[in-house]
Amino acid sequence: MNQQDLRWQTTSRRDMWTGLLDRLPERDMRFTAFLDHYTQDGDITLSRHDVRDIYGHNPDFGLIAAILWVHFRGVRINALSLLVRDLSSLVQLFAPADLNDAAMSRILGQPGISIPTASKMLSACDKRFGGLRAAILDDTIIDVIESDDFRADFVETTRLRGKSRSRPIDYYKAYLQDLDRLARRMALSTDDIDQYLSILGAARSAPKTTGMPTRFADCVSC
């Protein structure tokens, strides 16, 4: 397996998902069919690249893959119930290749979907927002890009510092603008950069971590 396949790879147990699905008041057989097809040795292992491939062939299965990929550690029953109930609506909401503000607002209006969740699902399904390729933006990444070390790299995002929750659409759009500019400047993909930010965020929060660059100027390769 090459490095591309290992990016954002998650593994969860099938019996965890079947246990959760068995507790729901309504069943969607698409989830069961997905588990039947993609379980190996009791596990569902997915990378971001895997989700993109699945979505490209079957949007219904692709959204299920994105849900399992995002929530690989588990999910509250009420949240899963809403995701299962609204799967067909989600498939329609994610259908455009390039989403505008109105489409993003409708996605964020779905129960249980915040910017971190939406950004992961959009990136996994290889979507664009406002003409820019979607990328992952979770709390770990927000902590990194709002740090003083990265202020110069994230000019647009810095203007909305602290507003990731109060102005989520504007914040995400600013983040994608900064990412696109950095990717062009450094000849990297946005996948490279959001992965680097996530790894760096985890490393910065770990005790006695050394050796990780703290600015993009110091980062030769992600």
N, C-alpha and C. Protein backbone atom coordinates (compact mmCIF):
# COMPACT_ATOMS: atom_id res chain seq x y z
N MET A 1 0.85 -1.19 0.00
CA MET A 1 0.00 0.00 0.00
C MET A 1 0.89 1.24 0.00
N ASN A 2 0.63 2.19 -0.90
CA ASN A 2 1.48 3.36 -0.96
C ASN A 2 1.01 4.45 -0.02
N GLN A 3 1.79 5.55 0.05
CA GLN A 3 1.49 6.61 1.00
C GLN A 3 0.14 7.26 0.72
N GLN A 4 -0.22 7.37 -0.56
CA GLN A 4 -1.52 7.96 -0.91
C GLN A 4 -2.66 7.18 -0.25
N ASP A 5 -2.54 5.86 -0.24
CA ASP A 5 -3.59 5.03 0.35
C ASP A 5 -3.68 5.17 1.86
N LEU A 6 -2.57 5.57 2.50
CA LEU A 6 -2.53 5.63 3.94
C LEU A 6 -3.03 6.96 4.50
N ARG A 7 -3.26 7.94 3.66
CA ARG A 7 -3.70 9.24 4.14
C ARG A 7 -5.10 9.16 4.73
N TRP A 8 -5.23 9.68 5.94
CA TRP A 8 -6.53 9.75 6.60
C TRP A 8 -7.21 8.38 6.61
N GLN A 9 -6.46 7.32 6.81
CA GLN A 9 -7.05 5.97 6.83
C GLN A 9 -7.65 5.69 8.20
N THR A 10 -8.84 5.11 8.20
CA THR A 10 -9.51 4.75 9.45
C THR A 10 -9.97 3.29 9.37
N THR A 11 -10.09 2.68 10.53
CA THR A 11 -10.61 1.32 10.61
C THR A 11 -11.64 1.25 11.74
N SER A 12 -12.77 0.67 11.46
CA SER A 12 -13.79 0.45 12.48
C SER A 12 -14.34 -0.96 12.35
N ARG A 13 -14.93 -1.45 13.41
CA ARG A 13 -15.43 -2.81 13.44
C ARG A 13 -16.85 -2.87 12.87
N ARG A 14 -17.08 -3.88 12.05
CA ARG A 14 -18.43 -4.07 11.52
C ARG A 14 -19.43 -4.29 12.64
N ASP A 15 -19.04 -5.07 13.67
CA ASP A 15 -20.01 -5.37 14.72
C ASP A 15 -20.40 -4.12 15.51
N MET A 16 -19.51 -3.11 15.55
CA MET A 16 -19.89 -1.84 16.17
C MET A 16 -21.03 -1.20 15.38
N TRP A 17 -20.88 -1.17 14.03
CA TRP A 17 -21.90 -0.53 13.20
C TRP A 17 -23.20 -1.33 13.19
N THR A 18 -23.11 -2.64 13.10
CA THR A 18 -24.35 -3.43 13.11
C THR A 18 -25.06 -3.28 14.45
N GLY A 19 -24.28 -3.20 15.54
CA GLY A 19 -24.89 -2.99 16.84
C GLY A 19 -25.62 -1.66 16.92
N LEU A 20 -25.01 -0.62 16.36
CA LEU A 20 -25.66 0.70 16.36
C LEU A 20 -26.89 0.69 15.45
N LEU A 21 -26.74 0.12 14.27
CA LEU A 21 -27.86 0.10 13.32
C LEU A 21 -29.05 -0.71 13.86
N ASP A 22 -28.76 -1.76 14.61
CA ASP A 22 -29.83 -2.58 15.18
C ASP A 22 -30.66 -1.82 16.21
N ARG A 23 -30.11 -0.75 16.75
CA ARG A 23 -30.82 0.03 17.76
C ARG A 23 -31.67 1.13 17.17
N LEU A 24 -31.60 1.30 15.84
CA LEU A 24 -32.36 2.39 15.22
C LEU A 24 -33.81 1.98 15.01
N PRO A 25 -34.73 2.95 15.08
CA PRO A 25 -36.14 2.64 14.85
C PRO A 25 -36.43 2.27 13.39
N GLU A 26 -35.60 2.78 12.48
CA GLU A 26 -35.77 2.49 11.05
C GLU A 26 -34.45 2.00 10.49
N ARG A 27 -34.53 1.06 9.56
CA ARG A 27 -33.33 0.53 8.91
C ARG A 27 -33.28 0.98 7.46
N ASP A 28 -32.09 1.21 6.98
CA ASP A 28 -31.87 1.50 5.57
C ASP A 28 -30.96 0.40 5.06
N MET A 29 -31.47 -0.44 4.18
CA MET A 29 -30.73 -1.60 3.74
C MET A 29 -29.47 -1.24 2.94
N ARG A 30 -29.37 0.02 2.53
CA ARG A 30 -28.15 0.43 1.84
C ARG A 30 -26.94 0.36 2.78
N PHE A 31 -27.16 0.66 4.06
CA PHE A 31 -26.08 0.56 5.03
C PHE A 31 -25.64 -0.90 5.20
N THR A 32 -26.62 -1.79 5.31
CA THR A 32 -26.29 -3.21 5.45
C THR A 32 -25.58 -3.73 4.21
N ALA A 33 -26.05 -3.31 3.04
CA ALA A 33 -25.41 -3.74 1.79
C ALA A 33 -23.97 -3.22 1.72
N PHE A 34 -23.76 -1.99 2.18
CA PHE A 34 -22.41 -1.44 2.18
C PHE A 34 -21.50 -2.26 3.09
N LEU A 35 -21.98 -2.57 4.29
CA LEU A 35 -21.17 -3.35 5.23
C LEU A 35 -20.86 -4.73 4.65
N ASP A 36 -21.85 -5.34 4.00
CA ASP A 36 -21.63 -6.65 3.40
C ASP A 36 -20.53 -6.59 2.34
N HIS A 37 -20.52 -5.51 1.60
CA HIS A 37 -19.59 -5.41 0.46
C HIS A 37 -18.18 -5.02 0.89
N TYR A 38 -18.05 -4.18 1.90
CA TYR A 38 -16.75 -3.58 2.21
C TYR A 38 -16.11 -4.09 3.50
N THR A 39 -16.73 -5.04 4.17
CA THR A 39 -16.11 -5.60 5.37
C THR A 39 -15.10 -6.67 4.99
N GLN A 40 -13.93 -6.60 5.60
CA GLN A 40 -12.90 -7.63 5.43
C GLN A 40 -12.40 -8.04 6.82
N ASP A 41 -12.52 -9.32 7.12
CA ASP A 41 -12.09 -9.84 8.43
C ASP A 41 -12.71 -9.07 9.58
N GLY A 42 -13.96 -8.68 9.40
CA GLY A 42 -14.69 -8.01 10.47
C GLY A 42 -14.46 -6.52 10.57
N ASP A 43 -13.58 -5.96 9.72
CA ASP A 43 -13.24 -4.54 9.78
C ASP A 43 -13.68 -3.82 8.51
N ILE A 44 -13.96 -2.53 8.67
CA ILE A 44 -14.15 -1.64 7.52
C ILE A 44 -13.00 -0.64 7.55
N THR A 45 -12.08 -0.77 6.61
CA THR A 45 -10.92 0.11 6.54
C THR A 45 -11.07 1.01 5.32
N LEU A 46 -11.01 2.32 5.57
CA LEU A 46 -11.23 3.29 4.50
C LEU A 46 -10.21 4.42 4.61
N SER A 47 -9.68 4.82 3.47
CA SER A 47 -8.89 6.04 3.40
C SER A 47 -9.72 7.08 2.66
N ARG A 48 -9.27 8.32 2.69
CA ARG A 48 -9.96 9.36 1.93
C ARG A 48 -10.01 8.98 0.46
N HIS A 49 -8.92 8.43 -0.05
CA HIS A 49 -8.88 8.02 -1.44
C HIS A 49 -9.90 6.92 -1.72
N ASP A 50 -10.07 5.99 -0.79
CA ASP A 50 -11.07 4.92 -0.94
C ASP A 50 -12.48 5.50 -1.05
N VAL A 51 -12.78 6.45 -0.16
CA VAL A 51 -14.13 7.04 -0.16
C VAL A 51 -14.39 7.72 -1.50
N ARG A 52 -13.39 8.41 -2.01
CA ARG A 52 -13.55 9.09 -3.31
C ARG A 52 -13.84 8.09 -4.42
N ASP A 53 -13.13 6.98 -4.42
CA ASP A 53 -13.36 5.95 -5.44
C ASP A 53 -14.78 5.38 -5.33
N ILE A 54 -15.20 5.09 -4.11
CA ILE A 54 -16.54 4.53 -3.90
C ILE A 54 -17.59 5.53 -4.34
N TYR A 55 -17.43 6.79 -3.94
CA TYR A 55 -18.41 7.82 -4.30
C TYR A 55 -18.48 7.99 -5.82
N GLY A 56 -17.34 7.92 -6.49
CA GLY A 56 -17.33 8.08 -7.94
C GLY A 56 -18.12 7.01 -8.66
N HIS A 57 -18.19 5.82 -8.08
CA HIS A 57 -18.93 4.72 -8.69
C HIS A 57 -20.39 4.63 -8.21
N ASN A 58 -20.62 5.05 -6.96
CA ASN A 58 -21.94 4.89 -6.38
C ASN A 58 -22.13 5.94 -5.29
N PRO A 59 -22.81 7.06 -5.60
CA PRO A 59 -22.95 8.14 -4.62
C PRO A 59 -23.61 7.70 -3.31
N ASP A 60 -24.59 6.80 -3.37
CA ASP A 60 -25.21 6.32 -2.14
C ASP A 60 -24.19 5.64 -1.24
N PHE A 61 -23.46 4.69 -1.82
CA PHE A 61 -22.41 4.01 -1.05
C PHE A 61 -21.31 4.99 -0.65
N GLY A 62 -21.03 5.96 -1.52
CA GLY A 62 -19.99 6.94 -1.21
C GLY A 62 -20.33 7.78 0.01
N LEU A 63 -21.59 8.19 0.15
CA LEU A 63 -21.99 8.94 1.33
C LEU A 63 -21.96 8.07 2.58
N ILE A 64 -22.35 6.81 2.44
CA ILE A 64 -22.24 5.89 3.58
C ILE A 64 -20.79 5.72 3.97
N ALA A 65 -19.91 5.56 2.97
CA ALA A 65 -18.48 5.44 3.26
C ALA A 65 -17.97 6.68 3.99
N ALA A 66 -18.42 7.85 3.54
CA ALA A 66 -17.99 9.10 4.18
C ALA A 66 -18.47 9.16 5.63
N ILE A 67 -19.71 8.74 5.88
CA ILE A 67 -20.26 8.74 7.23
C ILE A 67 -19.44 7.81 8.14
N LEU A 68 -19.16 6.60 7.66
CA LEU A 68 -18.39 5.65 8.46
C LEU A 68 -16.95 6.12 8.64
N TRP A 69 -16.40 6.74 7.61
CA TRP A 69 -15.03 7.25 7.68
C TRP A 69 -14.90 8.38 8.70
N VAL A 70 -15.87 9.28 8.69
CA VAL A 70 -15.84 10.41 9.63
C VAL A 70 -16.06 9.93 11.06
N HIS A 71 -16.97 8.96 11.24
CA HIS A 71 -17.38 8.54 12.58
C HIS A 71 -16.80 7.17 12.94
N PHE A 72 -15.56 6.93 12.54
CA PHE A 72 -15.00 5.59 12.72
C PHE A 72 -14.87 5.19 14.19
N ARG A 73 -14.83 6.17 15.10
CA ARG A 73 -14.77 5.84 16.52
C ARG A 73 -16.15 5.59 17.12
N GLY A 74 -17.19 5.78 16.31
CA GLY A 74 -18.55 5.60 16.80
C GLY A 74 -19.32 6.90 16.72
N VAL A 75 -20.62 6.81 16.94
CA VAL A 75 -21.49 7.98 16.83
C VAL A 75 -22.69 7.76 17.73
N ARG A 76 -23.22 8.84 18.26
CA ARG A 76 -24.40 8.74 19.11
C ARG A 76 -25.58 8.19 18.31
N ILE A 77 -26.42 7.43 18.97
CA ILE A 77 -27.54 6.79 18.30
C ILE A 77 -28.46 7.81 17.63
N ASN A 78 -28.76 8.89 18.34
CA ASN A 78 -29.67 9.88 17.75
C ASN A 78 -29.06 10.53 16.51
N ALA A 79 -27.74 10.76 16.53
CA ALA A 79 -27.08 11.34 15.37
C ALA A 79 -27.08 10.36 14.19
N LEU A 80 -26.78 9.09 14.46
CA LEU A 80 -26.79 8.09 13.40
C LEU A 80 -28.20 7.92 12.84
N SER A 81 -29.19 7.95 13.72
CA SER A 81 -30.57 7.81 13.26
C SER A 81 -30.93 8.89 12.25
N LEU A 82 -30.47 10.13 12.51
CA LEU A 82 -30.76 11.22 11.58
C LEU A 82 -29.99 11.08 10.28
N LEU A 83 -28.75 10.61 10.37
CA LEU A 83 -27.96 10.41 9.15
C LEU A 83 -28.57 9.32 8.27
N VAL A 84 -29.04 8.24 8.91
CA VAL A 84 -29.68 7.17 8.16
C VAL A 84 -30.99 7.67 7.55
N ARG A 85 -31.76 8.36 8.35
CA ARG A 85 -33.05 8.88 7.87
C ARG A 85 -32.87 9.82 6.68
N ASP A 86 -31.81 10.64 6.73
CA ASP A 86 -31.63 11.71 5.74
C ASP A 86 -30.64 11.33 4.64
N LEU A 87 -30.30 10.04 4.52
CA LEU A 87 -29.28 9.66 3.54
C LEU A 87 -29.64 10.11 2.14
N SER A 88 -30.86 9.89 1.71
CA SER A 88 -31.25 10.27 0.34
C SER A 88 -31.14 11.78 0.15
N SER A 89 -31.51 12.54 1.18
CA SER A 89 -31.38 14.00 1.10
C SER A 89 -29.92 14.41 1.01
N LEU A 90 -29.07 13.74 1.77
CA LEU A 90 -27.64 14.05 1.73
C LEU A 90 -27.06 13.76 0.36
N VAL A 91 -27.47 12.66 -0.24
CA VAL A 91 -26.98 12.33 -1.58
C VAL A 91 -27.32 13.46 -2.55
N GLN A 92 -28.53 13.99 -2.45
CA GLN A 92 -28.93 15.09 -3.32
C GLN A 92 -28.16 16.37 -3.01
N LEU A 93 -27.97 16.66 -1.73
CA LEU A 93 -27.26 17.89 -1.34
C LEU A 93 -25.81 17.86 -1.81
N PHE A 94 -25.22 16.66 -1.82
CA PHE A 94 -23.81 16.54 -2.22
C PHE A 94 -23.64 16.35 -3.72
N ALA A 95 -24.72 16.31 -4.47
CA ALA A 95 -24.64 15.99 -5.89
C ALA A 95 -23.83 17.00 -6.72
N PRO A 96 -23.96 18.32 -6.48
CA PRO A 96 -23.19 19.25 -7.32
C PRO A 96 -21.68 19.06 -7.14
N ALA A 97 -20.95 19.19 -8.23
CA ALA A 97 -19.50 19.08 -8.16
C ALA A 97 -18.88 20.28 -7.45
N ASP A 98 -19.53 21.43 -7.60
CA ASP A 98 -19.04 22.68 -7.00
C ASP A 98 -20.20 23.33 -6.26
N LEU A 99 -20.10 23.39 -4.95
CA LEU A 99 -21.20 23.91 -4.14
C LEU A 99 -21.04 25.42 -3.94
N ASN A 100 -22.19 26.11 -3.85
CA ASN A 100 -22.18 27.53 -3.54
C ASN A 100 -22.57 27.74 -2.07
N ASP A 101 -22.68 28.99 -1.66
CA ASP A 101 -22.99 29.29 -0.27
C ASP A 101 -24.34 28.71 0.15
N ALA A 102 -25.32 28.80 -0.75
CA ALA A 102 -26.66 28.30 -0.42
C ALA A 102 -26.63 26.79 -0.20
N ALA A 103 -25.90 26.07 -1.06
CA ALA A 103 -25.80 24.62 -0.90
C ALA A 103 -25.08 24.26 0.39
N MET A 104 -24.02 25.00 0.70
CA MET A 104 -23.30 24.74 1.95
C MET A 104 -24.19 25.01 3.15
N SER A 105 -24.97 26.06 3.08
CA SER A 105 -25.88 26.39 4.17
C SER A 105 -26.89 25.26 4.39
N ARG A 106 -27.36 24.66 3.31
CA ARG A 106 -28.32 23.55 3.45
C ARG A 106 -27.65 22.33 4.07
N ILE A 107 -26.40 22.08 3.70
CA ILE A 107 -25.68 20.95 4.30
C ILE A 107 -25.48 21.17 5.79
N LEU A 108 -25.06 22.39 6.16
CA LEU A 108 -24.85 22.70 7.58
C LEU A 108 -26.16 22.76 8.35
N GLY A 109 -27.27 22.87 7.62
CA GLY A 109 -28.58 22.86 8.26
C GLY A 109 -29.07 21.46 8.59
N GLN A 110 -28.36 20.45 8.07
CA GLN A 110 -28.72 19.07 8.40
C GLN A 110 -28.35 18.77 9.85
N PRO A 111 -29.19 18.07 10.58
CA PRO A 111 -28.88 17.77 11.99
C PRO A 111 -27.56 17.06 12.15
N GLY A 112 -26.73 17.57 13.06
CA GLY A 112 -25.49 16.90 13.40
C GLY A 112 -24.33 17.16 12.46
N ILE A 113 -24.50 18.03 11.47
CA ILE A 113 -23.41 18.28 10.53
C ILE A 113 -22.87 19.69 10.75
N SER A 114 -21.66 19.76 11.27
CA SER A 114 -20.96 21.02 11.49
C SER A 114 -19.89 21.16 10.42
N ILE A 115 -19.15 22.26 10.46
CA ILE A 115 -18.08 22.45 9.48
C ILE A 115 -17.05 21.32 9.52
N PRO A 116 -16.57 20.89 10.70
CA PRO A 116 -15.61 19.78 10.69
C PRO A 116 -16.15 18.54 9.98
N THR A 117 -17.41 18.16 10.28
CA THR A 117 -18.00 16.99 9.64
C THR A 117 -18.23 17.23 8.15
N ALA A 118 -18.80 18.38 7.82
CA ALA A 118 -19.08 18.70 6.42
C ALA A 118 -17.79 18.75 5.61
N SER A 119 -16.75 19.36 6.16
CA SER A 119 -15.50 19.49 5.41
C SER A 119 -14.89 18.12 5.12
N LYS A 120 -14.97 17.21 6.08
CA LYS A 120 -14.44 15.87 5.86
C LYS A 120 -15.23 15.13 4.79
N MET A 121 -16.56 15.24 4.85
CA MET A 121 -17.40 14.56 3.87
C MET A 121 -17.20 15.15 2.48
N LEU A 122 -17.11 16.48 2.40
CA LEU A 122 -16.92 17.14 1.10
C LEU A 122 -15.56 16.77 0.50
N SER A 123 -14.53 16.77 1.34
CA SER A 123 -13.20 16.40 0.85
C SER A 123 -13.19 14.94 0.41
N ALA A 124 -13.80 14.08 1.21
CA ALA A 124 -13.82 12.65 0.88
C ALA A 124 -14.53 12.40 -0.44
N CYS A 125 -15.56 13.19 -0.72
CA CYS A 125 -16.33 13.02 -1.96
C CYS A 125 -15.75 13.85 -3.11
N ASP A 126 -14.60 14.50 -2.87
CA ASP A 126 -13.87 15.25 -3.90
C ASP A 126 -14.71 16.38 -4.48
N LYS A 127 -15.33 17.16 -3.60
CA LYS A 127 -16.16 18.27 -4.02
C LYS A 127 -15.38 19.58 -4.00
N ARG A 128 -15.97 20.57 -4.60
CA ARG A 128 -15.45 21.94 -4.55
C ARG A 128 -16.48 22.84 -3.88
N PHE A 129 -15.97 23.90 -3.28
CA PHE A 129 -16.84 24.91 -2.68
C PHE A 129 -16.35 26.27 -3.16
N GLY A 130 -17.23 26.97 -3.86
CA GLY A 130 -16.84 28.27 -4.40
C GLY A 130 -15.70 28.19 -5.38
N GLY A 131 -15.63 27.08 -6.11
CA GLY A 131 -14.59 26.91 -7.12
C GLY A 131 -13.29 26.34 -6.59
N LEU A 132 -13.17 26.16 -5.28
CA LEU A 132 -11.95 25.66 -4.68
C LEU A 132 -12.16 24.25 -4.14
N ARG A 133 -11.13 23.43 -4.27
CA ARG A 133 -11.26 22.05 -3.84
C ARG A 133 -11.46 21.97 -2.33
N ALA A 134 -12.45 21.19 -1.91
CA ALA A 134 -12.75 21.04 -0.49
C ALA A 134 -11.58 20.40 0.23
N ALA A 135 -11.38 20.79 1.47
CA ALA A 135 -10.31 20.24 2.30
C ALA A 135 -10.84 20.10 3.72
N ILE A 136 -10.13 19.32 4.51
CA ILE A 136 -10.59 19.04 5.87
C ILE A 136 -10.23 20.20 6.79
N LEU A 137 -11.21 20.61 7.60
CA LEU A 137 -11.02 21.66 8.59
C LEU A 137 -11.69 21.21 9.88
N ASP A 138 -10.90 20.66 10.79
CA ASP A 138 -11.45 20.26 12.08
C ASP A 138 -10.83 21.10 13.19
N ASP A 139 -11.19 20.82 14.44
CA ASP A 139 -10.73 21.65 15.55
C ASP A 139 -9.21 21.61 15.70
N THR A 140 -8.61 20.45 15.41
CA THR A 140 -7.15 20.35 15.50
C THR A 140 -6.48 21.28 14.50
N ILE A 141 -6.99 21.30 13.27
CA ILE A 141 -6.43 22.16 12.24
C ILE A 141 -6.68 23.63 12.56
N ILE A 142 -7.87 23.94 13.07
CA ILE A 142 -8.17 25.33 13.44
C ILE A 142 -7.18 25.84 14.47
N ASP A 143 -6.85 25.01 15.46
CA ASP A 143 -5.88 25.41 16.48
C ASP A 143 -4.53 25.74 15.86
N VAL A 144 -4.13 24.98 14.85
CA VAL A 144 -2.84 25.22 14.19
C VAL A 144 -2.87 26.52 13.39
N ILE A 145 -3.87 26.68 12.53
CA ILE A 145 -3.86 27.83 11.62
C ILE A 145 -4.14 29.14 12.34
N GLU A 146 -4.72 29.07 13.54
CA GLU A 146 -4.95 30.29 14.31
C GLU A 146 -3.79 30.59 15.26
N SER A 147 -2.76 29.75 15.26
CA SER A 147 -1.59 30.02 16.09
C SER A 147 -0.75 31.12 15.45
N ASP A 148 0.06 31.77 16.27
CA ASP A 148 0.90 32.86 15.77
C ASP A 148 1.88 32.38 14.70
N ASP A 149 2.31 31.11 14.80
CA ASP A 149 3.28 30.58 13.84
C ASP A 149 2.75 30.60 12.41
N PHE A 150 1.43 30.49 12.26
CA PHE A 150 0.86 30.35 10.92
C PHE A 150 0.06 31.57 10.46
N ARG A 151 0.13 32.64 11.23
CA ARG A 151 -0.63 33.84 10.88
C ARG A 151 -0.28 34.34 9.47
N ALA A 152 1.00 34.31 9.14
CA ALA A 152 1.42 34.83 7.83
C ALA A 152 1.01 33.91 6.69
N ASP A 153 0.83 32.62 6.96
CA ASP A 153 0.45 31.67 5.93
C ASP A 153 -1.05 31.67 5.67
N PHE A 154 -1.84 32.03 6.67
CA PHE A 154 -3.30 31.97 6.57
C PHE A 154 -3.89 33.38 6.72
N VAL A 155 -3.60 34.19 5.72
CA VAL A 155 -3.97 35.61 5.77
C VAL A 155 -5.48 35.79 5.81
N GLU A 156 -6.19 35.11 4.90
CA GLU A 156 -7.65 35.27 4.83
C GLU A 156 -8.32 34.70 6.08
N THR A 157 -7.84 33.56 6.54
CA THR A 157 -8.42 32.94 7.73
C THR A 157 -8.16 33.78 8.97
N THR A 158 -6.99 34.39 9.05
CA THR A 158 -6.66 35.21 10.21
C THR A 158 -7.63 36.37 10.37
N ARG A 159 -8.14 36.89 9.26
CA ARG A 159 -9.11 37.98 9.34
C ARG A 159 -10.40 37.53 10.04
N LEU A 160 -10.65 36.23 10.08
CA LEU A 160 -11.84 35.69 10.74
C LEU A 160 -11.45 34.86 11.97
N ARG A 161 -10.32 35.16 12.53
CA ARG A 161 -9.81 34.43 13.70
C ARG A 161 -10.88 34.36 14.80
N GLY A 162 -11.12 33.15 15.30
CA GLY A 162 -12.09 32.97 16.37
C GLY A 162 -13.53 32.89 15.92
N LYS A 163 -13.77 32.93 14.62
CA LYS A 163 -15.15 32.96 14.11
C LYS A 163 -15.52 31.69 13.35
N SER A 164 -14.83 30.58 13.62
CA SER A 164 -15.12 29.34 12.90
C SER A 164 -16.52 28.82 13.19
N ARG A 165 -17.07 29.16 14.35
CA ARG A 165 -18.42 28.71 14.69
C ARG A 165 -19.48 29.77 14.42
N SER A 166 -19.14 31.02 14.63
CA SER A 166 -20.14 32.07 14.41
C SER A 166 -20.31 32.43 12.94
N ARG A 167 -19.28 32.24 12.14
CA ARG A 167 -19.36 32.50 10.69
C ARG A 167 -18.73 31.33 9.93
N PRO A 168 -19.30 30.14 10.07
CA PRO A 168 -18.64 28.94 9.55
C PRO A 168 -18.43 28.93 8.04
N ILE A 169 -19.39 29.42 7.27
CA ILE A 169 -19.24 29.38 5.82
C ILE A 169 -18.15 30.34 5.36
N ASP A 170 -18.16 31.56 5.90
CA ASP A 170 -17.12 32.53 5.55
C ASP A 170 -15.74 32.02 5.97
N TYR A 171 -15.68 31.41 7.15
CA TYR A 171 -14.41 30.91 7.67
C TYR A 171 -13.88 29.79 6.77
N TYR A 172 -14.75 28.87 6.39
CA TYR A 172 -14.31 27.76 5.55
C TYR A 172 -13.86 28.25 4.18
N LYS A 173 -14.57 29.22 3.65
CA LYS A 173 -14.20 29.77 2.35
C LYS A 173 -12.82 30.44 2.44
N ALA A 174 -12.58 31.19 3.51
CA ALA A 174 -11.28 31.83 3.70
C ALA A 174 -10.17 30.79 3.83
N TYR A 175 -10.43 29.73 4.56
CA TYR A 175 -9.46 28.65 4.73
C TYR A 175 -9.10 28.01 3.38
N LEU A 176 -10.10 27.75 2.55
CA LEU A 176 -9.84 27.15 1.24
C LEU A 176 -9.04 28.10 0.35
N GLN A 177 -9.31 29.41 0.46
CA GLN A 177 -8.53 30.37 -0.31
C GLN A 177 -7.06 30.34 0.10
N ASP A 178 -6.82 30.31 1.41
CA ASP A 178 -5.45 30.24 1.90
C ASP A 178 -4.78 28.93 1.47
N LEU A 179 -5.52 27.83 1.56
CA LEU A 179 -4.97 26.53 1.19
C LEU A 179 -4.62 26.50 -0.30
N ASP A 180 -5.49 27.04 -1.12
CA ASP A 180 -5.25 27.05 -2.57
C ASP A 180 -4.00 27.86 -2.89
N ARG A 181 -3.85 29.00 -2.24
CA ARG A 181 -2.66 29.82 -2.47
C ARG A 181 -1.39 29.10 -2.03
N LEU A 182 -1.44 28.45 -0.85
CA LEU A 182 -0.27 27.72 -0.36
C LEU A 182 0.07 26.53 -1.27
N ALA A 183 -0.96 25.83 -1.73
CA ALA A 183 -0.73 24.67 -2.58
C ALA A 183 -0.04 25.09 -3.88
N ARG A 184 -0.48 26.21 -4.45
CA ARG A 184 0.14 26.69 -5.68
C ARG A 184 1.58 27.12 -5.42
N ARG A 185 1.79 27.82 -4.32
CA ARG A 185 3.12 28.33 -4.01
C ARG A 185 4.12 27.21 -3.74
N MET A 186 3.65 26.15 -3.09
CA MET A 186 4.56 25.10 -2.65
C MET A 186 4.52 23.87 -3.55
N ALA A 187 3.72 23.93 -4.63
CA ALA A 187 3.59 22.79 -5.55
C ALA A 187 3.17 21.53 -4.80
N LEU A 188 2.20 21.69 -3.90
CA LEU A 188 1.62 20.58 -3.16
C LEU A 188 0.12 20.53 -3.46
N SER A 189 -0.51 19.44 -3.09
CA SER A 189 -1.97 19.38 -3.18
C SER A 189 -2.57 19.84 -1.86
N THR A 190 -3.83 20.23 -1.90
CA THR A 190 -4.49 20.59 -0.64
C THR A 190 -4.62 19.37 0.27
N ASP A 191 -4.66 18.17 -0.31
CA ASP A 191 -4.64 16.95 0.50
C ASP A 191 -3.35 16.88 1.31
N ASP A 192 -2.23 17.23 0.68
CA ASP A 192 -0.96 17.23 1.39
C ASP A 192 -1.01 18.19 2.58
N ILE A 193 -1.57 19.37 2.33
CA ILE A 193 -1.50 20.41 3.35
C ILE A 193 -2.44 20.12 4.52
N ASP A 194 -3.68 19.71 4.24
CA ASP A 194 -4.55 19.47 5.40
C ASP A 194 -4.06 18.26 6.21
N GLN A 195 -3.45 17.28 5.53
CA GLN A 195 -2.88 16.16 6.27
C GLN A 195 -1.72 16.64 7.15
N TYR A 196 -0.86 17.47 6.59
CA TYR A 196 0.25 18.02 7.36
C TYR A 196 -0.24 18.81 8.58
N LEU A 197 -1.26 19.64 8.38
CA LEU A 197 -1.79 20.43 9.48
C LEU A 197 -2.36 19.55 10.59
N SER A 198 -3.01 18.46 10.19
CA SER A 198 -3.57 17.56 11.18
C SER A 198 -2.48 16.85 11.96
N ILE A 199 -1.46 16.37 11.25
CA ILE A 199 -0.34 15.70 11.92
C ILE A 199 0.37 16.67 12.85
N LEU A 200 0.60 17.89 12.37
CA LEU A 200 1.27 18.89 13.18
C LEU A 200 0.45 19.23 14.42
N GLY A 201 -0.87 19.37 14.26
CA GLY A 201 -1.72 19.68 15.40
C GLY A 201 -1.65 18.61 16.47
N ALA A 202 -1.67 17.35 16.04
CA ALA A 202 -1.57 16.25 16.99
C ALA A 202 -0.20 16.25 17.67
N ALA A 203 0.84 16.53 16.89
CA ALA A 203 2.19 16.53 17.44
C ALA A 203 2.39 17.67 18.43
N ARG A 204 1.83 18.83 18.12
CA ARG A 204 1.98 19.99 19.01
C ARG A 204 1.29 19.77 20.35
N SER A 205 0.23 18.96 20.34
CA SER A 205 -0.50 18.73 21.59
C SER A 205 0.11 17.59 22.40
N ALA A 206 1.03 16.84 21.80
CA ALA A 206 1.66 15.73 22.50
C ALA A 206 2.84 16.25 23.33
N PRO A 207 3.08 15.66 24.49
CA PRO A 207 4.19 16.12 25.32
C PRO A 207 5.54 15.79 24.70
N LYS A 208 6.48 16.73 24.87
CA LYS A 208 7.88 16.52 24.47
C LYS A 208 8.01 16.19 22.99
N THR A 209 7.19 16.82 22.17
CA THR A 209 7.29 16.60 20.73
C THR A 209 8.32 17.55 20.13
N THR A 210 9.23 17.02 19.37
CA THR A 210 10.23 17.85 18.70
C THR A 210 10.37 17.40 17.26
N GLY A 211 10.95 18.28 16.46
CA GLY A 211 11.29 17.90 15.10
C GLY A 211 10.24 18.24 14.06
N MET A 212 9.03 18.69 14.49
CA MET A 212 8.01 19.07 13.52
C MET A 212 8.18 20.54 13.17
N PRO A 213 8.20 20.90 11.88
CA PRO A 213 8.29 22.31 11.51
C PRO A 213 7.07 23.07 11.99
N THR A 214 7.26 24.32 12.34
CA THR A 214 6.14 25.11 12.86
C THR A 214 5.62 26.13 11.86
N ARG A 215 6.27 26.26 10.70
CA ARG A 215 5.79 27.16 9.66
C ARG A 215 5.91 26.48 8.31
N PHE A 216 5.12 26.92 7.35
CA PHE A 216 5.22 26.32 6.02
C PHE A 216 6.57 26.65 5.38
N ALA A 217 7.17 27.75 5.78
CA ALA A 217 8.49 28.08 5.24
C ALA A 217 9.51 27.03 5.62
N ASP A 218 9.26 26.30 6.71
CA ASP A 218 10.19 25.26 7.16
C ASP A 218 9.82 23.88 6.66
N CYS A 219 8.70 23.77 5.98
CA CYS A 219 8.17 22.46 5.59
C CYS A 219 8.57 22.16 4.15
N VAL A 220 9.50 21.24 3.96
CA VAL A 220 9.92 20.87 2.62
C VAL A 220 8.92 19.96 1.97
N SER A 221 8.40 19.00 2.75
CA SER A 221 7.44 18.03 2.23
C SER A 221 6.47 17.66 3.32
N CYS A 222 5.20 17.53 2.95
CA CYS A 222 4.18 17.09 3.90
C CYS A 222 4.04 15.59 3.86
